[in-house]
């Protein structure tokens, strides 16, 4: 599937749905920054995202690396803010929409 790109990154609204959390509400996007190792990203995903598994964290880390971003969580605003805060503790670039 072809995805539109914005400045070399996939547009957030076009990211394939492969996340944890659920329901309507906010979304947490993780962006590639080239300053963290795969293991650092995977570790933070496992720490921050409820229900995250290592295989899914590896898949999401790879998606972030290759496409520029990935939706990593969907849920209520306060849950998304908590996930984003934990992901950002190590300097990962995140956005809640």
PDB file of N, CA and C in Angstrom:
ATOM      1  N   UNK A   1       0.834  -1.165   0.000  1.00  0.00           N
ATOM      2  CA  UNK A   1       0.000   0.000   0.000  1.00  0.00           C
ATOM      3  C   UNK A   1       0.888   1.240   0.000  1.00  0.00           C
ATOM      4  N   UNK A   2       0.620   2.154  -0.897  1.00  0.00           N
ATOM      5  CA  UNK A   2       1.379   3.396  -0.978  1.00  0.00           C
ATOM      6  C   UNK A   2       0.853   4.387   0.049  1.00  0.00           C
ATOM      7  N   UNK A   3       1.778   5.056   0.724  1.00  0.00           N
ATOM      8  CA  UNK A   3       1.388   6.010   1.756  1.00  0.00           C
ATOM      9  C   UNK A   3       1.929   7.379   1.398  1.00  0.00           C
ATOM     10  N   UNK A   4       1.132   8.440   1.583  1.00  0.00           N
ATOM     11  CA  UNK A   4       1.653   9.778   1.327  1.00  0.00           C
ATOM     12  C   UNK A   4       2.773  10.103   2.298  1.00  0.00           C
ATOM     13  N   UNK A   5       3.715  10.898   1.842  1.00  0.00           N
ATOM     14  CA  UNK A   5       4.846  11.269   2.685  1.00  0.00           C
ATOM     15  C   UNK A   5       4.850  12.769   2.924  1.00  0.00           C
ATOM     16  N   UNK A   6       5.244  13.137   4.121  1.00  0.00           N
ATOM     17  CA  UNK A   6       5.402  14.532   4.491  1.00  0.00           C
ATOM     18  C   UNK A   6       6.838  14.684   4.950  1.00  0.00           C
ATOM     19  N   UNK A   7       7.628  15.460   4.242  1.00  0.00           N
ATOM     20  CA  UNK A   7       9.039  15.663   4.595  1.00  0.00           C
ATOM     21  C   UNK A   7       9.744  14.335   4.865  1.00  0.00           C
ATOM     22  N   UNK A   8       9.512  13.350   4.012  1.00  0.00           N
ATOM     23  CA  UNK A   8      10.170  12.065   4.167  1.00  0.00           C
ATOM     24  C   UNK A   8       9.534  11.149   5.191  1.00  0.00           C
ATOM     25  N   UNK A   9       8.411  11.565   5.779  1.00  0.00           N
ATOM     26  CA  UNK A   9       7.745  10.742   6.782  1.00  0.00           C
ATOM     27  C   UNK A   9       6.327  10.432   6.331  1.00  0.00           C
ATOM     28  N   UNK A  10       5.811   9.335   6.807  1.00  0.00           N
ATOM     29  CA  UNK A  10       4.439   8.956   6.524  1.00  0.00           C
ATOM     30  C   UNK A  10       3.513   9.872   7.303  1.00  0.00           C
ATOM     31  N   UNK A  11       2.449  10.319   6.666  1.00  0.00           N
ATOM     32  CA  UNK A  11       1.474  11.163   7.352  1.00  0.00           C
ATOM     33  C   UNK A  11       0.803  10.365   8.461  1.00  0.00           C
ATOM     34  N   UNK A  12       0.659  10.921   9.686  1.00  0.00           N
ATOM     35  CA  UNK A  12       0.085  10.168  10.806  1.00  0.00           C
ATOM     36  C   UNK A  12      -1.261   9.534  10.503  1.00  0.00           C
ATOM     37  N   UNK A  13      -2.138  10.227   9.780  1.00  0.00           N
ATOM     38  CA  UNK A  13      -3.469   9.672   9.547  1.00  0.00           C
ATOM     39  C   UNK A  13      -3.465   8.489   8.589  1.00  0.00           C
ATOM     40  N   UNK A  14      -2.324   8.204   7.958  1.00  0.00           N
ATOM     41  CA  UNK A  14      -2.240   7.096   7.018  1.00  0.00           C
ATOM     42  C   UNK A  14      -1.500   5.888   7.575  1.00  0.00           C
ATOM     43  N   UNK A  15      -1.110   5.926   8.835  1.00  0.00           N
ATOM     44  CA  UNK A  15      -0.356   4.829   9.430  1.00  0.00           C
ATOM     45  C   UNK A  15      -1.266   3.625   9.637  1.00  0.00           C
ATOM     46  N   UNK A  16      -0.785   2.463   9.224  1.00  0.00           N
ATOM     47  CA  UNK A  16      -1.544   1.222   9.380  1.00  0.00           C
ATOM     48  C   UNK A  16      -1.841   0.960  10.851  1.00  0.00           C
ATOM     49  N   UNK A  17      -3.042   0.461  11.132  1.00  0.00           N
ATOM     50  CA  UNK A  17      -3.465   0.214  12.511  1.00  0.00           C
ATOM     51  C   UNK A  17      -2.846  -1.077  13.030  1.00  0.00           C
ATOM     52  N   UNK A  18      -1.761  -0.955  13.785  1.00  0.00           N
ATOM     53  CA  UNK A  18      -1.095  -2.107  14.408  1.00  0.00           C
ATOM     54  C   UNK A  18      -0.538  -1.596  15.721  1.00  0.00           C
ATOM     55  N   UNK A  19      -1.443  -1.415  16.687  1.00  0.00           N
ATOM     56  CA  UNK A  19      -1.079  -0.773  17.943  1.00  0.00           C
ATOM     57  C   UNK A  19      -1.655  -1.547  19.108  1.00  0.00           C
ATOM     58  N   UNK A  20      -1.419  -1.038  20.307  1.00  0.00           N
ATOM     59  CA  UNK A  20      -2.105  -1.541  21.484  1.00  0.00           C
ATOM     60  C   UNK A  20      -3.051  -0.460  21.956  1.00  0.00           C
ATOM     61  N   UNK A  21      -3.815  -0.756  22.973  1.00  0.00           N
ATOM     62  CA  UNK A  21      -4.850   0.180  23.401  1.00  0.00           C
ATOM     63  C   UNK A  21      -6.049  -0.033  22.501  1.00  0.00           C
ATOM     64  N   UNK A  22      -7.008   0.814  22.600  1.00  0.00           N
ATOM     65  CA  UNK A  22      -8.143   0.644  21.725  1.00  0.00           C
ATOM     66  C   UNK A  22      -9.180   1.707  21.923  1.00  0.00           C
ATOM     67  N   UNK A  23     -10.195   1.606  21.108  1.00  0.00           N
ATOM     68  CA  UNK A  23     -11.294   2.535  21.215  1.00  0.00           C
ATOM     69  C   UNK A  23     -10.988   3.879  20.602  1.00  0.00           C
ATOM     70  N   UNK A  24     -11.972   4.733  20.713  1.00  0.00           N
ATOM     71  CA  UNK A  24     -11.837   6.090  20.203  1.00  0.00           C
ATOM     72  C   UNK A  24     -10.992   6.909  21.147  1.00  0.00           C
ATOM     73  N   UNK A  25     -10.551   8.033  20.695  1.00  0.00           N
ATOM     74  CA  UNK A  25      -9.801   8.921  21.559  1.00  0.00           C
ATOM     75  C   UNK A  25      -8.532   9.393  20.911  1.00  0.00           C
ATOM     76  N   UNK A  26      -7.513   9.533  21.710  1.00  0.00           N
ATOM     77  CA  UNK A  26      -6.235  10.067  21.250  1.00  0.00           C
ATOM     78  C   UNK A  26      -5.328   8.950  20.749  1.00  0.00           C
ATOM     79  N   UNK A  27      -4.272   9.366  20.048  1.00  0.00           N
ATOM     80  CA  UNK A  27      -3.281   8.430  19.522  1.00  0.00           C
ATOM     81  C   UNK A  27      -1.901   8.941  19.884  1.00  0.00           C
ATOM     82  N   UNK A  28      -0.986   8.015  20.150  1.00  0.00           N
ATOM     83  CA  UNK A  28       0.409   8.361  20.409  1.00  0.00           C
ATOM     84  C   UNK A  28       1.232   7.911  19.207  1.00  0.00           C
ATOM     85  N   UNK A  29       1.958   8.859  18.622  1.00  0.00           N
ATOM     86  CA  UNK A  29       2.851   8.575  17.509  1.00  0.00           C
ATOM     87  C   UNK A  29       4.289   8.695  17.983  1.00  0.00           C
ATOM     88  N   UNK A  30       5.114   7.748  17.567  1.00  0.00           N
ATOM     89  CA  UNK A  30       6.541   7.747  17.864  1.00  0.00           C
ATOM     90  C   UNK A  30       7.276   8.026  16.559  1.00  0.00           C
ATOM     91  N   UNK A  31       8.217   8.980  16.597  1.00  0.00           N
ATOM     92  CA  UNK A  31       8.945   9.414  15.410  1.00  0.00           C
ATOM     93  C   UNK A  31      10.389   8.929  15.441  1.00  0.00           C
ATOM     94  N   UNK A  32      10.933   8.701  14.262  1.00  0.00           N
ATOM     95  CA  UNK A  32      12.330   8.311  14.133  1.00  0.00           C
ATOM     96  C   UNK A  32      13.213   9.519  14.424  1.00  0.00           C
ATOM     97  N   UNK A  33      14.286   9.303  15.170  1.00  0.00           N
ATOM     98  CA  UNK A  33      15.190  10.416  15.472  1.00  0.00           C
ATOM     99  C   UNK A  33      16.651  10.061  15.218  1.00  0.00           C
ATOM    100  N   UNK A  34      16.952   8.824  14.844  1.00  0.00           N
ATOM    101  CA  UNK A  34      18.321   8.393  14.549  1.00  0.00           C
ATOM    102  C   UNK A  34      19.284   8.540  15.722  1.00  0.00           C
ATOM    103  N   UNK A  35      18.775   8.731  16.930  1.00  0.00           N
ATOM    104  CA  UNK A  35      19.669   8.924  18.077  1.00  0.00           C
ATOM    105  C   UNK A  35      19.496   7.839  19.143  1.00  0.00           C
ATOM    106  N   UNK A  36      18.613   6.879  18.907  1.00  0.00           N
ATOM    107  CA  UNK A  36      18.398   5.786  19.853  1.00  0.00           C
ATOM    108  C   UNK A  36      18.607   4.456  19.139  1.00  0.00           C
ATOM    109  N   UNK A  37      19.087   3.476  19.877  1.00  0.00           N
ATOM    110  CA  UNK A  37      19.235   2.137  19.312  1.00  0.00           C
ATOM    111  C   UNK A  37      17.868   1.459  19.261  1.00  0.00           C
ATOM    112  N   UNK A  38      17.775   0.395  18.461  1.00  0.00           N
ATOM    113  CA  UNK A  38      16.542  -0.381  18.427  1.00  0.00           C
ATOM    114  C   UNK A  38      16.200  -0.875  19.828  1.00  0.00           C
ATOM    115  N   UNK A  39      17.201  -1.356  20.548  1.00  0.00           N
ATOM    116  CA  UNK A  39      16.944  -1.903  21.884  1.00  0.00           C
ATOM    117  C   UNK A  39      16.401  -0.835  22.830  1.00  0.00           C
ATOM    118  N   UNK A  40      16.906   0.385  22.742  1.00  0.00           N
ATOM    119  CA  UNK A  40      16.390   1.474  23.584  1.00  0.00           C
ATOM    120  C   UNK A  40      14.924   1.760  23.271  1.00  0.00           C
ATOM    121  N   UNK A  41      14.586   1.787  21.994  1.00  0.00           N
ATOM    122  CA  UNK A  41      13.198   2.041  21.588  1.00  0.00           C
ATOM    123  C   UNK A  41      12.301   0.904  22.056  1.00  0.00           C
ATOM    124  N   UNK A  42      12.731  -0.325  21.840  1.00  0.00           N
ATOM    125  CA  UNK A  42      11.950  -1.496  22.253  1.00  0.00           C
ATOM    126  C   UNK A  42      11.734  -1.488  23.763  1.00  0.00           C
ATOM    127  N   UNK A  43      12.783  -1.206  24.517  1.00  0.00           N
ATOM    128  CA  UNK A  43      12.682  -1.167  25.979  1.00  0.00           C
ATOM    129  C   UNK A  43      11.667  -0.127  26.435  1.00  0.00           C
ATOM    130  N   UNK A  44      11.693   1.062  25.842  1.00  0.00           N
ATOM    131  CA  UNK A  44      10.743   2.110  26.235  1.00  0.00           C
ATOM    132  C   UNK A  44       9.318   1.744  25.839  1.00  0.00           C
ATOM    133  N   UNK A  45       9.140   1.139  24.673  1.00  0.00           N
ATOM    134  CA  UNK A  45       7.798   0.707  24.274  1.00  0.00           C
ATOM    135  C   UNK A  45       7.246  -0.310  25.268  1.00  0.00           C
ATOM    136  N   UNK A  46       8.080  -1.265  25.672  1.00  0.00           N
ATOM    137  CA  UNK A  46       7.640  -2.274  26.642  1.00  0.00           C
ATOM    138  C   UNK A  46       7.307  -1.641  27.987  1.00  0.00           C
ATOM    139  N   UNK A  47       8.047  -0.634  28.372  1.00  0.00           N
ATOM    140  CA  UNK A  47       7.824   0.057  29.642  1.00  0.00           C
ATOM    141  C   UNK A  47       6.580   0.948  29.594  1.00  0.00           C
ATOM    142  N   UNK A  48       6.355   1.604  28.466  1.00  0.00           N
ATOM    143  CA  UNK A  48       5.336   2.656  28.393  1.00  0.00           C
ATOM    144  C   UNK A  48       3.953   2.189  27.975  1.00  0.00           C
ATOM    145  N   UNK A  49       3.886   1.214  27.102  1.00  0.00           N
ATOM    146  CA  UNK A  49       2.618   0.891  26.444  1.00  0.00           C
ATOM    147  C   UNK A  49       1.968  -0.335  27.077  1.00  0.00           C
ATOM    148  N   UNK A  50       0.785  -0.158  27.673  1.00  0.00           N
ATOM    149  CA  UNK A  50       0.073  -1.301  28.261  1.00  0.00           C
ATOM    150  C   UNK A  50      -0.195  -2.377  27.209  1.00  0.00           C
ATOM    151  N   UNK A  51       0.089  -3.613  27.564  1.00  0.00           N
ATOM    152  CA  UNK A  51      -0.180  -4.729  26.666  1.00  0.00           C
ATOM    153  C   UNK A  51       0.853  -4.932  25.571  1.00  0.00           C
ATOM    154  N   UNK A  52       1.914  -4.137  25.572  1.00  0.00           N
ATOM    155  CA  UNK A  52       2.946  -4.261  24.534  1.00  0.00           C
ATOM    156  C   UNK A  52       3.704  -5.576  24.717  1.00  0.00           C
ATOM    157  N   UNK A  53       3.956  -6.242  23.607  1.00  0.00           N
ATOM    158  CA  UNK A  53       4.762  -7.461  23.604  1.00  0.00           C
ATOM    159  C   UNK A  53       6.086  -7.168  22.904  1.00  0.00           C
ATOM    160  N   UNK A  54       7.080  -7.978  23.176  1.00  0.00           N
ATOM    161  CA  UNK A  54       8.374  -7.758  22.520  1.00  0.00           C
ATOM    162  C   UNK A  54       8.267  -7.868  21.000  1.00  0.00           C
ATOM    163  N   UNK A  55       7.573  -8.880  20.456  1.00  0.00           N
ATOM    164  CA  UNK A  55       7.467  -8.941  18.992  1.00  0.00           C
ATOM    165  C   UNK A  55       6.810  -7.691  18.393  1.00  0.00           C
ATOM    166  N   UNK A  56       5.769  -7.180  19.037  1.00  0.00           N
ATOM    167  CA  UNK A  56       5.122  -5.978  18.519  1.00  0.00           C
ATOM    168  C   UNK A  56       6.029  -4.765  18.690  1.00  0.00           C
ATOM    169  N   UNK A  57       6.738  -4.669  19.810  1.00  0.00           N
ATOM    170  CA  UNK A  57       7.674  -3.559  20.019  1.00  0.00           C
ATOM    171  C   UNK A  57       8.769  -3.582  18.950  1.00  0.00           C
ATOM    172  N   UNK A  58       9.263  -4.763  18.609  1.00  0.00           N
ATOM    173  CA  UNK A  58      10.275  -4.886  17.556  1.00  0.00           C
ATOM    174  C   UNK A  58       9.711  -4.442  16.214  1.00  0.00           C
ATOM    175  N   UNK A  59       8.480  -4.866  15.916  1.00  0.00           N
ATOM    176  CA  UNK A  59       7.831  -4.480  14.661  1.00  0.00           C
ATOM    177  C   UNK A  59       7.633  -2.967  14.591  1.00  0.00           C
ATOM    178  N   UNK A  60       7.169  -2.371  15.687  1.00  0.00           N
ATOM    179  CA  UNK A  60       6.942  -0.925  15.705  1.00  0.00           C
ATOM    180  C   UNK A  60       8.257  -0.153  15.606  1.00  0.00           C
ATOM    181  N   UNK A  61       9.301  -0.622  16.281  1.00  0.00           N
ATOM    182  CA  UNK A  61      10.611   0.033  16.185  1.00  0.00           C
ATOM    183  C   UNK A  61      11.114   0.002  14.741  1.00  0.00           C
ATOM    184  N   UNK A  62      10.934  -1.118  14.081  1.00  0.00           N
ATOM    185  CA  UNK A  62      11.349  -1.227  12.682  1.00  0.00           C
ATOM    186  C   UNK A  62      10.525  -0.292  11.807  1.00  0.00           C
ATOM    187  N   UNK A  63       9.220  -0.224  12.047  1.00  0.00           N
ATOM    188  CA  UNK A  63       8.356   0.670  11.270  1.00  0.00           C
ATOM    189  C   UNK A  63       8.776   2.126  11.461  1.00  0.00           C
ATOM    190  N   UNK A  64       9.062   2.516  12.706  1.00  0.00           N
ATOM    191  CA  UNK A  64       9.522   3.883  12.972  1.00  0.00           C
ATOM    192  C   UNK A  64      10.806   4.151  12.190  1.00  0.00           C
ATOM    193  N   UNK A  65      11.717   3.207  12.215  1.00  0.00           N
ATOM    194  CA  UNK A  65      13.004   3.362  11.529  1.00  0.00           C
ATOM    195  C   UNK A  65      12.834   3.491  10.016  1.00  0.00           C
ATOM    196  N   UNK A  66      11.957   2.695   9.432  1.00  0.00           N
ATOM    197  CA  UNK A  66      11.841   2.652   7.972  1.00  0.00           C
ATOM    198  C   UNK A  66      10.862   3.655   7.390  1.00  0.00           C
ATOM    199  N   UNK A  67       9.833   4.048   8.137  1.00  0.00           N
ATOM    200  CA  UNK A  67       8.833   4.970   7.581  1.00  0.00           C
ATOM    201  C   UNK A  67       8.854   6.343   8.229  1.00  0.00           C
ATOM    202  N   UNK A  68       9.569   6.476   9.331  1.00  0.00           N
ATOM    203  CA  UNK A  68       9.653   7.778   9.979  1.00  0.00           C
ATOM    204  C   UNK A  68       8.781   7.931  11.199  1.00  0.00           C
ATOM    205  N   UNK A  69       7.731   7.104  11.306  1.00  0.00           N
ATOM    206  CA  UNK A  69       6.860   7.180  12.474  1.00  0.00           C
ATOM    207  C   UNK A  69       5.968   5.959  12.543  1.00  0.00           C
ATOM    208  N   UNK A  70       5.353   5.767  13.704  1.00  0.00           N
ATOM    209  CA  UNK A  70       4.350   4.715  13.877  1.00  0.00           C
ATOM    210  C   UNK A  70       3.399   5.124  14.989  1.00  0.00           C
ATOM    211  N   UNK A  71       2.138   4.769  14.805  1.00  0.00           N
ATOM    212  CA  UNK A  71       1.166   4.914  15.887  1.00  0.00           C
ATOM    213  C   UNK A  71       1.421   3.753  16.839  1.00  0.00           C
ATOM    214  N   UNK A  72       1.715   4.067  18.103  1.00  0.00           N
ATOM    215  CA  UNK A  72       2.081   3.012  19.045  1.00  0.00           C
ATOM    216  C   UNK A  72       1.037   2.778  20.122  1.00  0.00           C
ATOM    217  N   UNK A  73       0.075   3.694  20.247  1.00  0.00           N
ATOM    218  CA  UNK A  73      -0.964   3.517  21.260  1.00  0.00           C
ATOM    219  C   UNK A  73      -2.167   4.356  20.891  1.00  0.00           C
ATOM    220  N   UNK A  74      -3.349   3.837  21.240  1.00  0.00           N
ATOM    221  CA  UNK A  74      -4.605   4.558  21.037  1.00  0.00           C
ATOM    222  C   UNK A  74      -5.450   4.369  22.279  1.00  0.00           C
ATOM    223  N   UNK A  75      -5.997   5.458  22.809  1.00  0.00           N
ATOM    224  CA  UNK A  75      -6.820   5.367  24.006  1.00  0.00           C
ATOM    225  C   UNK A  75      -7.269   6.736  24.470  1.00  0.00           C
ATOM    226  N   UNK A  76      -7.687   6.807  25.717  1.00  0.00           N
ATOM    227  CA  UNK A  76      -8.116   8.063  26.303  1.00  0.00           C
ATOM    228  C   UNK A  76      -6.965   9.051  26.391  1.00  0.00           C
ATOM    229  N   UNK A  77      -7.310  10.330  26.452  1.00  0.00           N
ATOM    230  CA  UNK A  77      -6.290  11.382  26.464  1.00  0.00           C
ATOM    231  C   UNK A  77      -5.302  11.219  27.614  1.00  0.00           C
ATOM    232  N   UNK A  78      -5.783  10.923  28.816  1.00  0.00           N
ATOM    233  CA  UNK A  78      -4.870  10.809  29.960  1.00  0.00           C
ATOM    234  C   UNK A  78      -3.955   9.594  29.816  1.00  0.00           C
ATOM    235  N   UNK A  79      -4.473   8.485  29.291  1.00  0.00           N
ATOM    236  CA  UNK A  79      -3.634   7.306  29.052  1.00  0.00           C
ATOM    237  C   UNK A  79      -2.573   7.605  27.995  1.00  0.00           C
ATOM    238  N   UNK A  80      -2.974   8.289  26.933  1.00  0.00           N
ATOM    239  CA  UNK A  80      -2.020   8.637  25.878  1.00  0.00           C
ATOM    240  C   UNK A  80      -0.946   9.582  26.404  1.00  0.00           C
ATOM    241  N   UNK A  81      -1.340  10.535  27.239  1.00  0.00           N
ATOM    242  CA  UNK A  81      -0.360  11.451  27.826  1.00  0.00           C
ATOM    243  C   UNK A  81       0.644  10.694  28.695  1.00  0.00           C
ATOM    244  N   UNK A  82       0.159   9.701  29.451  1.00  0.00           N
ATOM    245  CA  UNK A  82       1.051   8.903  30.295  1.00  0.00           C
ATOM    246  C   UNK A  82       2.030   8.106  29.439  1.00  0.00           C
ATOM    247  N   UNK A  83       1.529   7.461  28.388  1.00  0.00           N
ATOM    248  CA  UNK A  83       2.387   6.685  27.487  1.00  0.00           C
ATOM    249  C   UNK A  83       3.436   7.593  26.848  1.00  0.00           C
ATOM    250  N   UNK A  84       3.006   8.749  26.365  1.00  0.00           N
ATOM    251  CA  UNK A  84       3.930   9.684  25.716  1.00  0.00           C
ATOM    252  C   UNK A  84       4.993  10.181  26.690  1.00  0.00           C
ATOM    253  N   UNK A  85       4.598  10.440  27.923  1.00  0.00           N
ATOM    254  CA  UNK A  85       5.553  10.919  28.930  1.00  0.00           C
ATOM    255  C   UNK A  85       6.636   9.873  29.181  1.00  0.00           C
ATOM    256  N   UNK A  86       6.231   8.612  29.325  1.00  0.00           N
ATOM    257  CA  UNK A  86       7.204   7.540  29.576  1.00  0.00           C
ATOM    258  C   UNK A  86       8.110   7.346  28.359  1.00  0.00           C
ATOM    259  N   UNK A  87       7.532   7.352  27.161  1.00  0.00           N
ATOM    260  CA  UNK A  87       8.357   7.213  25.958  1.00  0.00           C
ATOM    261  C   UNK A  87       9.360   8.354  25.857  1.00  0.00           C
ATOM    262  N   UNK A  88       8.933   9.550  26.213  1.00  0.00           N
ATOM    263  CA  UNK A  88       9.791  10.721  26.103  1.00  0.00           C
ATOM    264  C   UNK A  88      10.864  10.834  27.169  1.00  0.00           C
ATOM    265  N   UNK A  89      10.798  10.008  28.211  1.00  0.00           N
ATOM    266  CA  UNK A  89      11.788  10.069  29.299  1.00  0.00           C
ATOM    267  C   UNK A  89      13.225   9.919  28.808  1.00  0.00           C
ATOM    268  N   UNK A  90      13.413   9.168  27.746  1.00  0.00           N
ATOM    269  CA  UNK A  90      14.765   8.948  27.222  1.00  0.00           C
ATOM    270  C   UNK A  90      15.041   9.802  25.991  1.00  0.00           C
ATOM    271  N   UNK A  91      14.162  10.750  25.712  1.00  0.00           N
ATOM    272  CA  UNK A  91      14.370  11.639  24.578  1.00  0.00           C
ATOM    273  C   UNK A  91      13.735  11.178  23.286  1.00  0.00           C
ATOM    274  N   UNK A  92      12.930  10.112  23.339  1.00  0.00           N
ATOM    275  CA  UNK A  92      12.212   9.709  22.135  1.00  0.00           C
ATOM    276  C   UNK A  92      11.243  10.820  21.748  1.00  0.00           C
ATOM    277  N   UNK A  93      11.041  10.993  20.452  1.00  0.00           N
ATOM    278  CA  UNK A  93      10.161  12.046  19.948  1.00  0.00           C
ATOM    279  C   UNK A  93       8.768  11.462  19.770  1.00  0.00           C
ATOM    280  N   UNK A  94       7.803  12.025  20.483  1.00  0.00           N
ATOM    281  CA  UNK A  94       6.431  11.531  20.444  1.00  0.00           C
ATOM    282  C   UNK A  94       5.472  12.690  20.231  1.00  0.00           C
ATOM    283  N   UNK A  95       4.281  12.345  19.771  1.00  0.00           N
ATOM    284  CA  UNK A  95       3.215  13.325  19.615  1.00  0.00           C
ATOM    285  C   UNK A  95       1.901  12.642  19.939  1.00  0.00           C
ATOM    286  N   UNK A  96       1.051  13.324  20.702  1.00  0.00           N
ATOM    287  CA  UNK A  96      -0.290  12.840  20.998  1.00  0.00           C
ATOM    288  C   UNK A  96      -1.258  13.650  20.152  1.00  0.00           C
ATOM    289  N   UNK A  97      -2.082  12.949  19.392  1.00  0.00           N
ATOM    290  CA  UNK A  97      -3.110  13.604  18.564  1.00  0.00           C
ATOM    291  C   UNK A  97      -4.469  13.109  18.965  1.00  0.00           C
TER     292      UNK A  97
END
